[in-house]
Structures are given as C-alpha cells and as structure tokens.
Amino acid sequence: MAVISKENCTKVTPKELEELASEVRESVWEQARGVGREPKIYMHWTAGKYDTLFDDYHVCITGDGSIYITGALDEPLAHTWRRNTGSIGITLCAAYNATTDDLGDYAPTAAQIESMAQAVCAVADGLWLTINSNYVLTHGEAADSIDGIYTWDENDCYGPQHTVERWDLQFLGTAESPKYTTDYDDPSTGGNVLRGKAQWYREQKG
C-alpha cells in the first residue's frame, strides 16, 4: 500500500462519481462474471490519518468529506483479499491507531460518514447494484464472507467473527454505531448504518 498525493488524484462530486461508475459498468460486470460473481463495492478505512491517501483504493475520502478518485474505476486494485476483480474499493482516510475499544484521534468524521454513504450510492447507481450486504460490504464483512462467497477455504475467514485481521468500519464511534460488535444482524454495525444511509440518499434522488 503506497501513499498517493492529492495532486495525483481527482476530486469529484457524488454526481461525477456516478457518471464515472456508469462509464465502466460493462467493464466491471464483465470482470466480475469472469470470476463467477457479480460486482461488489467494498468499504474500508485506511488505518491512517485524515489527509493521507493510499493507492490501493479507487475512492479515498478525506477527513473533511472530500471525495478523491485515484484512477480508473475498473482497474483491479489490492483493497480486498481475493475479491478485487470486478469490485470497487471506497475508503475513509481514518482510524490511525484505532482499536476495538477506542477509535482514537482519527475516528471517522461525520462528514466522512455522509460522504461514504453518498459515494456508495453513486457507485451503486452507476453499476446498477442493489444496496444490500450481497453487493455492498465493509472489509470486515467481506473477510467473514457474510455474502456467502468463499474465495478461499471457509476456515480461512479473517474478519471480526474469526481472526479479526480486518474489522474496518465494524463500528463508527457515533450515536448510531457506538461500539464494536460481531453480530452482523445488529443495526448499529458500521456496515448496516452506511448501507442504510446510502439507501436514503438513493431514495432522495427519486
């Protein structure tokens, strides 16, 4: 994972992001079908600081909620183990030194959370995806294969219900998502909150 400067990225609005996702829709779907699945959107945090962007993600959201793209949305990047083909990775620049007890000085900001939801909505609309946990997952959820897709031996899951190597966005440190949990049916998980917000933005668009 390499740091990338803002000057080498492009700042976009949600509408512009949707248009870019629409332009690569056929390419992303073709890539996904090539590995026997449908496109996915994976939500991450960088475990870095608010203004540190990384090139493993297609979309980076800084602490003030600004949305940056790092390059072509249909280029496979190394954001989610064995799930990168036919997927788009969206990340919050946040969670430096975070633990499951304390998200620390770089917890996701309110602006970032709303921008993540808008970015997910934009990409999902551009790719014609339903906003649910079959298509839109946090890295932690993908690591536990909550969508039922195992791209490795089932015993090798590495999310919150297993080895906890990845637990991105398992909670957001907000009133809606105040604490770490491994129960994916809990409406307060970060994934459930973000998907709910993304769906709300979709509904506002009519």
Protein backbone atom coordinates (compact mmCIF):
# COMPACT_ATOMS: atom_id res chain seq x y z
CA MET A 1 0.00 0.00 0.00
CA ALA A 2 1.59 3.26 -1.14
CA VAL A 3 0.73 6.83 -0.18
CA ILE A 4 -0.55 8.91 -3.08
CA SER A 5 -0.73 12.70 -3.14
CA LYS A 6 -3.94 14.63 -3.70
CA GLU A 7 -2.28 16.21 -6.71
CA ASN A 8 -2.20 12.76 -8.35
CA CYS A 9 -5.89 12.15 -7.65
CA THR A 10 -9.06 13.79 -8.92
CA LYS A 11 -11.55 15.40 -6.54
CA VAL A 12 -15.12 14.58 -7.58
CA THR A 13 -18.71 15.16 -6.53
CA PRO A 14 -21.08 12.23 -5.94
CA LYS A 15 -22.76 13.00 -9.26
CA GLU A 16 -19.44 12.92 -11.09
CA LEU A 17 -18.57 9.66 -9.33
CA GLU A 18 -21.84 8.12 -10.50
CA GLU A 19 -21.10 9.17 -14.08
CA LEU A 20 -17.62 7.63 -13.90
CA ALA A 21 -19.03 4.40 -12.48
CA SER A 22 -21.63 4.32 -15.24
CA GLU A 23 -18.90 4.65 -17.86
CA VAL A 24 -17.15 1.50 -16.61
CA ARG A 25 -20.30 -0.51 -15.81
CA GLU A 26 -19.90 -3.02 -18.63
CA SER A 27 -16.20 -3.50 -17.89
CA VAL A 28 -16.75 -4.10 -14.16
CA TRP A 29 -19.63 -6.51 -14.81
CA GLU A 30 -17.56 -8.42 -17.36
CA GLN A 31 -14.65 -8.74 -14.92
CA ALA A 32 -16.95 -9.97 -12.16
CA ARG A 33 -18.65 -12.52 -14.39
CA GLY A 34 -15.21 -13.77 -15.35
CA VAL A 35 -14.69 -14.95 -11.77
CA GLY A 36 -18.23 -16.24 -11.36
CA ARG A 37 -19.84 -13.47 -9.34
CA GLU A 38 -21.49 -10.06 -9.61
CA PRO A 39 -19.81 -6.70 -8.93
CA LYS A 40 -19.13 -5.64 -5.37
CA ILE A 41 -18.47 -2.40 -3.53
CA TYR A 42 -16.12 -2.75 -0.57
CA MET A 43 -15.99 -0.11 2.17
CA HIS A 44 -12.76 0.40 4.08
CA TRP A 45 -10.77 2.67 6.28
CA THR A 46 -7.08 3.22 5.66
CA ALA A 47 -5.95 2.96 9.30
CA GLY A 48 -4.15 6.22 8.52
CA LYS A 49 -4.66 9.94 9.09
CA TYR A 50 -7.33 12.20 7.63
CA ASP A 51 -5.28 13.58 4.75
CA THR A 52 -3.21 10.50 3.89
CA LEU A 53 -4.46 8.83 0.71
CA PHE A 54 -3.44 5.37 -0.50
CA ASP A 55 -3.38 3.88 -3.98
CA ASP A 56 -4.97 0.54 -3.03
CA TYR A 57 -8.44 2.11 -3.22
CA HIS A 58 -10.40 3.55 -6.12
CA VAL A 59 -12.03 6.20 -3.93
CA CYS A 60 -10.47 7.93 -0.90
CA ILE A 61 -12.49 10.21 1.39
CA THR A 62 -10.51 12.69 3.48
CA GLY A 63 -11.41 13.97 6.93
CA ASP A 64 -13.38 16.93 5.59
CA GLY A 65 -15.53 14.61 3.47
CA SER A 66 -13.85 15.38 0.14
CA ILE A 67 -14.05 12.52 -2.37
CA TYR A 68 -11.00 11.67 -4.48
CA ILE A 69 -10.56 9.02 -7.15
CA THR A 70 -7.11 7.55 -7.63
CA GLY A 71 -7.53 6.37 -11.22
CA ALA A 72 -9.78 4.23 -13.43
CA LEU A 73 -12.66 2.66 -11.51
CA ASP A 74 -12.45 -0.57 -13.48
CA GLU A 75 -8.77 -1.22 -12.73
CA PRO A 76 -8.46 -4.05 -10.16
CA LEU A 77 -6.69 -2.72 -7.07
CA ALA A 78 -5.41 -4.55 -3.99
CA HIS A 79 -8.01 -3.48 -1.44
CA THR A 80 -9.81 -6.73 -0.51
CA TRP A 81 -8.05 -10.08 -0.47
CA ARG A 82 -9.09 -12.34 -3.38
CA ARG A 83 -12.10 -10.12 -4.12
CA ASN A 84 -10.60 -7.32 -6.20
CA THR A 85 -11.68 -8.39 -9.68
CA GLY A 86 -14.97 -6.73 -10.64
CA SER A 87 -15.12 -4.65 -7.48
CA ILE A 88 -14.64 -1.04 -6.40
CA GLY A 89 -12.94 -0.11 -3.13
CA ILE A 90 -14.05 3.02 -1.27
CA THR A 91 -12.14 4.07 1.83
CA LEU A 92 -12.22 6.62 4.61
CA CYS A 93 -8.85 8.19 5.38
CA ALA A 94 -9.22 7.45 9.07
CA ALA A 95 -8.70 5.11 12.03
CA TYR A 96 -4.99 5.63 12.69
CA ASN A 97 -4.11 3.56 15.79
CA ALA A 98 -7.78 2.58 16.22
CA THR A 99 -8.69 -0.36 18.45
CA THR A 100 -11.94 -2.20 19.00
CA ASP A 101 -12.26 -0.28 22.28
CA ASP A 102 -11.32 3.19 21.03
CA LEU A 103 -11.21 4.62 17.51
CA GLY A 104 -8.71 7.21 18.71
CA ASP A 105 -7.83 10.65 17.36
CA TYR A 106 -8.70 9.77 13.76
CA ALA A 107 -12.14 8.25 14.15
CA PRO A 108 -14.41 8.61 11.09
CA THR A 109 -15.79 12.16 10.97
CA ALA A 110 -19.44 12.98 10.42
CA ALA A 111 -18.51 14.48 7.05
CA GLN A 112 -16.67 11.31 6.04
CA ILE A 113 -19.55 9.06 7.02
CA GLU A 114 -22.04 11.03 4.95
CA SER A 115 -19.63 11.20 2.01
CA MET A 116 -19.06 7.44 2.21
CA ALA A 117 -22.82 6.88 2.03
CA GLN A 118 -23.12 9.25 -0.93
CA ALA A 119 -20.16 7.62 -2.68
CA VAL A 120 -21.64 4.14 -2.18
CA CYS A 121 -24.96 5.37 -3.54
CA ALA A 122 -23.23 6.94 -6.54
CA VAL A 123 -21.20 3.86 -7.44
CA ALA A 124 -24.14 1.51 -6.85
CA ASP A 125 -26.33 3.64 -9.12
CA GLY A 126 -23.62 3.77 -11.77
CA LEU A 127 -23.15 -0.01 -11.70
CA TRP A 128 -26.88 -0.81 -11.29
CA LEU A 129 -26.39 -2.56 -7.93
CA THR A 130 -28.85 -3.11 -5.11
CA ILE A 131 -27.63 -1.54 -1.88
CA ASN A 132 -27.55 -4.51 0.47
CA SER A 133 -24.96 -6.78 2.05
CA ASN A 134 -24.80 -9.01 -1.02
CA TYR A 135 -23.29 -6.18 -3.06
CA VAL A 136 -22.01 -3.57 -0.60
CA LEU A 137 -19.80 -4.82 2.25
CA THR A 138 -17.24 -3.49 4.67
CA HIS A 139 -13.84 -5.16 4.54
CA GLY A 140 -14.63 -6.82 7.85
CA GLU A 141 -17.87 -8.26 6.48
CA ALA A 142 -16.10 -9.47 3.34
CA ALA A 143 -13.41 -11.06 5.50
CA ASP A 144 -16.15 -13.06 7.22
CA SER A 145 -17.84 -13.78 3.85
CA ILE A 146 -21.27 -12.67 5.05
CA ASP A 147 -22.39 -12.66 1.41
CA GLY A 148 -21.80 -16.43 1.26
CA ILE A 149 -18.97 -16.17 -1.25
CA TYR A 150 -15.86 -18.06 -0.21
CA THR A 151 -12.87 -17.32 -2.40
CA TRP A 152 -10.70 -19.40 -0.07
CA ASP A 153 -11.25 -22.23 2.40
CA GLU A 154 -14.10 -21.33 4.75
CA ASN A 155 -11.80 -21.89 7.70
CA ASP A 156 -9.57 -19.07 6.46
CA CYS A 157 -12.07 -16.26 7.13
CA TYR A 158 -10.24 -13.38 8.80
CA GLY A 159 -12.91 -10.91 9.94
CA PRO A 160 -14.43 -10.00 13.32
CA GLN A 161 -16.05 -13.42 13.80
CA HIS A 162 -12.75 -15.20 13.16
CA THR A 163 -9.16 -13.93 13.43
CA VAL A 164 -10.03 -10.19 13.34
CA GLU A 165 -7.27 -9.33 10.90
CA ARG A 166 -9.69 -6.90 9.25
CA TRP A 167 -12.53 -5.16 11.06
CA ASP A 168 -12.83 -1.97 9.01
CA LEU A 169 -15.95 0.05 9.86
CA GLN A 170 -17.30 -2.58 12.24
CA PHE A 171 -18.37 0.43 14.29
CA LEU A 172 -18.21 4.14 13.59
CA GLY A 173 -17.96 5.67 17.05
CA THR A 174 -21.22 7.60 16.62
CA ALA A 175 -24.55 7.54 18.44
CA GLU A 176 -25.90 5.29 15.67
CA SER A 177 -22.91 2.97 15.78
CA PRO A 178 -21.32 3.37 19.22
CA LYS A 179 -19.45 0.13 19.93
CA TYR A 180 -17.74 -2.89 18.47
CA THR A 181 -19.90 -5.94 17.87
CA THR A 182 -19.52 -9.16 15.92
CA ASP A 183 -23.27 -9.53 15.39
CA TYR A 184 -23.96 -8.64 11.76
CA ASP A 185 -27.70 -8.56 12.41
CA ASP A 186 -27.18 -5.65 14.81
CA PRO A 187 -28.43 -2.48 13.04
CA SER A 188 -25.65 -0.48 14.70
CA THR A 189 -22.76 -2.11 12.82
CA GLY A 190 -20.94 0.30 10.57
CA GLY A 191 -21.90 -1.68 7.51
CA ASN A 192 -25.61 -1.59 8.34
CA VAL A 193 -25.54 2.12 9.16
CA LEU A 194 -23.64 3.04 6.00
CA ARG A 195 -25.86 0.94 3.76
CA GLY A 196 -28.93 2.50 5.37
CA LYS A 197 -27.59 5.99 4.74
CA ALA A 198 -26.65 5.11 1.15
CA GLN A 199 -30.16 3.80 0.52
CA TRP A 200 -31.61 7.03 1.99
CA TYR A 201 -29.51 9.09 -0.46
CA ARG A 202 -30.76 6.88 -3.28
CA GLU A 203 -34.37 7.49 -2.25
CA GLN A 204 -33.81 11.26 -2.15
CA LYS A 205 -32.76 11.11 -5.78
CA GLY A 206 -36.09 9.53 -6.69
